[in-house]
Amino acid sequence: MESRKRLSADTSAASSSRPAKRVAVETDPVPIHPDPFSYDDLAFLNDFRREAIYRCLVAERRETNRLRERIKQHEVQTLFHDDHVRIIDVWLKQLLEELAVSYGQYNPSQDGKNL
């Protein structure tokens, strides 16, 4: 094993040095291929972008219509709610007037303002 690691004494310095580098020899020049990416191939990309934009537009229209329907529904509910509040207000006023009449504290000139 030591014989492999160490050079023998009879070898010269020239033989123990590294071998000279090889000189590059051009065999065949590297073929230059035309650019495989051309702008003619981008037609499908433009079509895909148009379709994507159209899909987004359709989705936005759908969302807008859904929100408009919700607004209409809330407007109807608001009117329904306002009607209920008015009915409850009138009913409560009538109830208070009946209570005031039954206890003898009702004055028709005040019209329920001191209740």
C-alpha atoms as a PDB file:
ATOM      1  CA  MET A   1       0.000   0.000   0.000  1.00  0.00           C
ATOM      2  CA  GLU A   2       2.844   2.358   0.752  1.00  0.00           C
ATOM      3  CA  SER A   3       4.338   1.567  -2.613  1.00  0.00           C
ATOM      4  CA  ARG A   4       1.278   2.985  -4.278  1.00  0.00           C
ATOM      5  CA  LYS A   5       1.294   6.188  -2.293  1.00  0.00           C
ATOM      6  CA  ARG A   6       4.964   7.026  -2.723  1.00  0.00           C
ATOM      7  CA  LEU A   7       6.856   7.390  -5.921  1.00  0.00           C
ATOM      8  CA  SER A   8       9.874   5.280  -6.334  1.00  0.00           C
ATOM      9  CA  ALA A   9      13.291   6.936  -6.259  1.00  0.00           C
ATOM     10  CA  ASP A  10      14.182   6.076  -9.856  1.00  0.00           C
ATOM     11  CA  THR A  11      11.261   7.971 -11.430  1.00  0.00           C
ATOM     12  CA  SER A  12      12.141  11.336 -12.791  1.00  0.00           C
ATOM     13  CA  ALA A  13      10.413  14.593 -11.966  1.00  0.00           C
ATOM     14  CA  ALA A  14       9.047  14.868 -15.509  1.00  0.00           C
ATOM     15  CA  SER A  15       7.278  11.575 -15.371  1.00  0.00           C
ATOM     16  CA  SER A  16       5.744  12.351 -11.952  1.00  0.00           C
ATOM     17  CA  SER A  17       4.295  15.658 -13.050  1.00  0.00           C
ATOM     18  CA  ARG A  18       0.832  15.923 -14.441  1.00  0.00           C
ATOM     19  CA  PRO A  19       0.235  15.095 -18.032  1.00  0.00           C
ATOM     20  CA  ALA A  20      -0.110  18.054 -20.344  1.00  0.00           C
ATOM     21  CA  LYS A  21      -3.613  19.249 -21.065  1.00  0.00           C
ATOM     22  CA  ARG A  22      -5.183  18.115 -24.231  1.00  0.00           C
ATOM     23  CA  VAL A  23      -5.579  20.614 -26.980  1.00  0.00           C
ATOM     24  CA  ALA A  24      -9.207  21.121 -27.946  1.00  0.00           C
ATOM     25  CA  VAL A  25      -9.919  19.876 -31.401  1.00  0.00           C
ATOM     26  CA  GLU A  26     -13.082  21.005 -33.128  1.00  0.00           C
ATOM     27  CA  THR A  27     -14.644  18.085 -34.799  1.00  0.00           C
ATOM     28  CA  ASP A  28     -18.049  19.383 -35.841  1.00  0.00           C
ATOM     29  CA  PRO A  29     -19.279  22.862 -35.135  1.00  0.00           C
ATOM     30  CA  VAL A  30     -22.291  23.040 -32.855  1.00  0.00           C
ATOM     31  CA  PRO A  31     -25.337  23.196 -35.070  1.00  0.00           C
ATOM     32  CA  ILE A  32     -27.330  26.382 -34.628  1.00  0.00           C
ATOM     33  CA  HIS A  33     -30.984  25.554 -34.558  1.00  0.00           C
ATOM     34  CA  PRO A  34     -33.538  28.151 -35.459  1.00  0.00           C
ATOM     35  CA  ASP A  35     -35.463  29.531 -32.514  1.00  0.00           C
ATOM     36  CA  PRO A  36     -38.147  26.945 -31.706  1.00  0.00           C
ATOM     37  CA  PHE A  37     -40.170  29.663 -30.002  1.00  0.00           C
ATOM     38  CA  SER A  38     -41.830  31.801 -32.611  1.00  0.00           C
ATOM     39  CA  TYR A  39     -44.567  34.343 -32.350  1.00  0.00           C
ATOM     40  CA  ASP A  40     -46.737  32.306 -34.687  1.00  0.00           C
ATOM     41  CA  ASP A  41     -47.106  29.801 -31.880  1.00  0.00           C
ATOM     42  CA  LEU A  42     -48.528  32.499 -29.619  1.00  0.00           C
ATOM     43  CA  ALA A  43     -51.926  32.434 -31.312  1.00  0.00           C
ATOM     44  CA  PHE A  44     -53.098  29.714 -28.918  1.00  0.00           C
ATOM     45  CA  LEU A  45     -51.798  31.780 -26.001  1.00  0.00           C
ATOM     46  CA  ASN A  46     -53.769  34.833 -27.138  1.00  0.00           C
ATOM     47  CA  ASP A  47     -56.871  32.675 -27.582  1.00  0.00           C
ATOM     48  CA  PHE A  48     -56.383  31.221 -24.107  1.00  0.00           C
ATOM     49  CA  ARG A  49     -56.034  34.731 -22.640  1.00  0.00           C
ATOM     50  CA  ARG A  50     -59.197  35.875 -24.409  1.00  0.00           C
ATOM     51  CA  GLU A  51     -61.092  32.869 -23.101  1.00  0.00           C
ATOM     52  CA  ALA A  52     -59.778  33.492 -19.587  1.00  0.00           C
ATOM     53  CA  ILE A  53     -60.843  37.134 -19.746  1.00  0.00           C
ATOM     54  CA  TYR A  54     -64.259  36.076 -21.051  1.00  0.00           C
ATOM     55  CA  ARG A  55     -64.648  33.514 -18.242  1.00  0.00           C
ATOM     56  CA  CYS A  56     -63.782  36.211 -15.687  1.00  0.00           C
ATOM     57  CA  LEU A  57     -66.288  38.575 -17.301  1.00  0.00           C
ATOM     58  CA  VAL A  58     -69.031  35.934 -17.178  1.00  0.00           C
ATOM     59  CA  ALA A  59     -68.208  35.189 -13.539  1.00  0.00           C
ATOM     60  CA  GLU A  60     -68.362  38.912 -12.685  1.00  0.00           C
ATOM     61  CA  ARG A  61     -71.721  39.248 -14.461  1.00  0.00           C
ATOM     62  CA  ARG A  62     -73.041  36.262 -12.546  1.00  0.00           C
ATOM     63  CA  GLU A  63     -71.824  37.741  -9.260  1.00  0.00           C
ATOM     64  CA  THR A  64     -73.313  41.144 -10.139  1.00  0.00           C
ATOM     65  CA  ASN A  65     -76.695  39.587 -10.938  1.00  0.00           C
ATOM     66  CA  ARG A  66     -76.591  37.594  -7.711  1.00  0.00           C
ATOM     67  CA  LEU A  67     -75.831  40.736  -5.706  1.00  0.00           C
ATOM     68  CA  ARG A  68     -78.601  42.664  -7.472  1.00  0.00           C
ATOM     69  CA  GLU A  69     -81.060  39.911  -6.578  1.00  0.00           C
ATOM     70  CA  ARG A  70     -79.915  40.054  -2.961  1.00  0.00           C
ATOM     71  CA  ILE A  71     -80.386  43.844  -2.954  1.00  0.00           C
ATOM     72  CA  LYS A  72     -83.940  43.437  -4.299  1.00  0.00           C
ATOM     73  CA  GLN A  73     -84.633  40.798  -1.676  1.00  0.00           C
ATOM     74  CA  HIS A  74     -83.309  43.049   1.094  1.00  0.00           C
ATOM     75  CA  GLU A  75     -85.400  45.967  -0.173  1.00  0.00           C
ATOM     76  CA  VAL A  76     -88.530  43.793  -0.017  1.00  0.00           C
ATOM     77  CA  GLN A  77     -87.580  42.607   3.460  1.00  0.00           C
ATOM     78  CA  THR A  78     -86.958  46.206   4.525  1.00  0.00           C
ATOM     79  CA  LEU A  79     -90.401  47.282   3.336  1.00  0.00           C
ATOM     80  CA  PHE A  80     -91.933  44.273   5.071  1.00  0.00           C
ATOM     81  CA  HIS A  81     -90.008  45.100   8.245  1.00  0.00           C
ATOM     82  CA  ASP A  82     -91.020  48.789   8.108  1.00  0.00           C
ATOM     83  CA  ASP A  83     -94.675  47.774   7.705  1.00  0.00           C
ATOM     84  CA  HIS A  84     -94.396  45.498  10.713  1.00  0.00           C
ATOM     85  CA  VAL A  85     -92.814  48.245  12.796  1.00  0.00           C
ATOM     86  CA  ARG A  86     -95.625  50.650  11.849  1.00  0.00           C
ATOM     87  CA  ILE A  87     -98.294  48.054  12.675  1.00  0.00           C
ATOM     88  CA  ILE A  88     -96.660  47.265  16.026  1.00  0.00           C
ATOM     89  CA  ASP A  89     -96.366  50.989  16.774  1.00  0.00           C
ATOM     90  CA  VAL A  90    -100.071  51.558  16.061  1.00  0.00           C
ATOM     91  CA  TRP A  91    -101.016  48.456  18.068  1.00  0.00           C
ATOM     92  CA  LEU A  92     -98.897  49.565  21.023  1.00  0.00           C
ATOM     93  CA  LYS A  93    -100.414  53.055  20.893  1.00  0.00           C
ATOM     94  CA  GLN A  94    -103.922  51.562  20.892  1.00  0.00           C
ATOM     95  CA  LEU A  95    -103.022  49.278  23.776  1.00  0.00           C
ATOM     96  CA  LEU A  96    -101.709  52.187  25.831  1.00  0.00           C
ATOM     97  CA  GLU A  97    -104.832  54.222  25.080  1.00  0.00           C
ATOM     98  CA  GLU A  98    -107.056  51.334  26.163  1.00  0.00           C
ATOM     99  CA  LEU A  99    -105.062  50.960  29.367  1.00  0.00           C
ATOM    100  CA  ALA A 100    -105.329  54.687  30.021  1.00  0.00           C
ATOM    101  CA  VAL A 101    -109.093  54.569  29.403  1.00  0.00           C
ATOM    102  CA  SER A 102    -109.532  51.584  31.688  1.00  0.00           C
ATOM    103  CA  TYR A 103    -107.666  53.328  34.508  1.00  0.00           C
ATOM    104  CA  GLY A 104    -109.470  56.628  33.904  1.00  0.00           C
ATOM    105  CA  GLN A 105    -106.381  58.649  32.990  1.00  0.00           C
ATOM    106  CA  TYR A 106    -107.179  59.131  29.318  1.00  0.00           C
ATOM    107  CA  ASN A 107    -107.567  62.695  28.069  1.00  0.00           C
ATOM    108  CA  PRO A 108    -108.665  62.863  24.395  1.00  0.00           C
ATOM    109  CA  SER A 109    -107.132  66.342  23.982  1.00  0.00           C
ATOM    110  CA  GLN A 110    -103.631  65.057  24.758  1.00  0.00           C
ATOM    111  CA  ASP A 111    -104.061  62.242  22.230  1.00  0.00           C
ATOM    112  CA  GLY A 112    -101.731  59.894  24.080  1.00  0.00           C
ATOM    113  CA  LYS A 113     -98.760  62.261  24.419  1.00  0.00           C
ATOM    114  CA  ASN A 114     -98.366  61.930  28.196  1.00  0.00           C
ATOM    115  CA  LEU A 115     -98.427  58.186  28.286  1.00  0.00           C
END
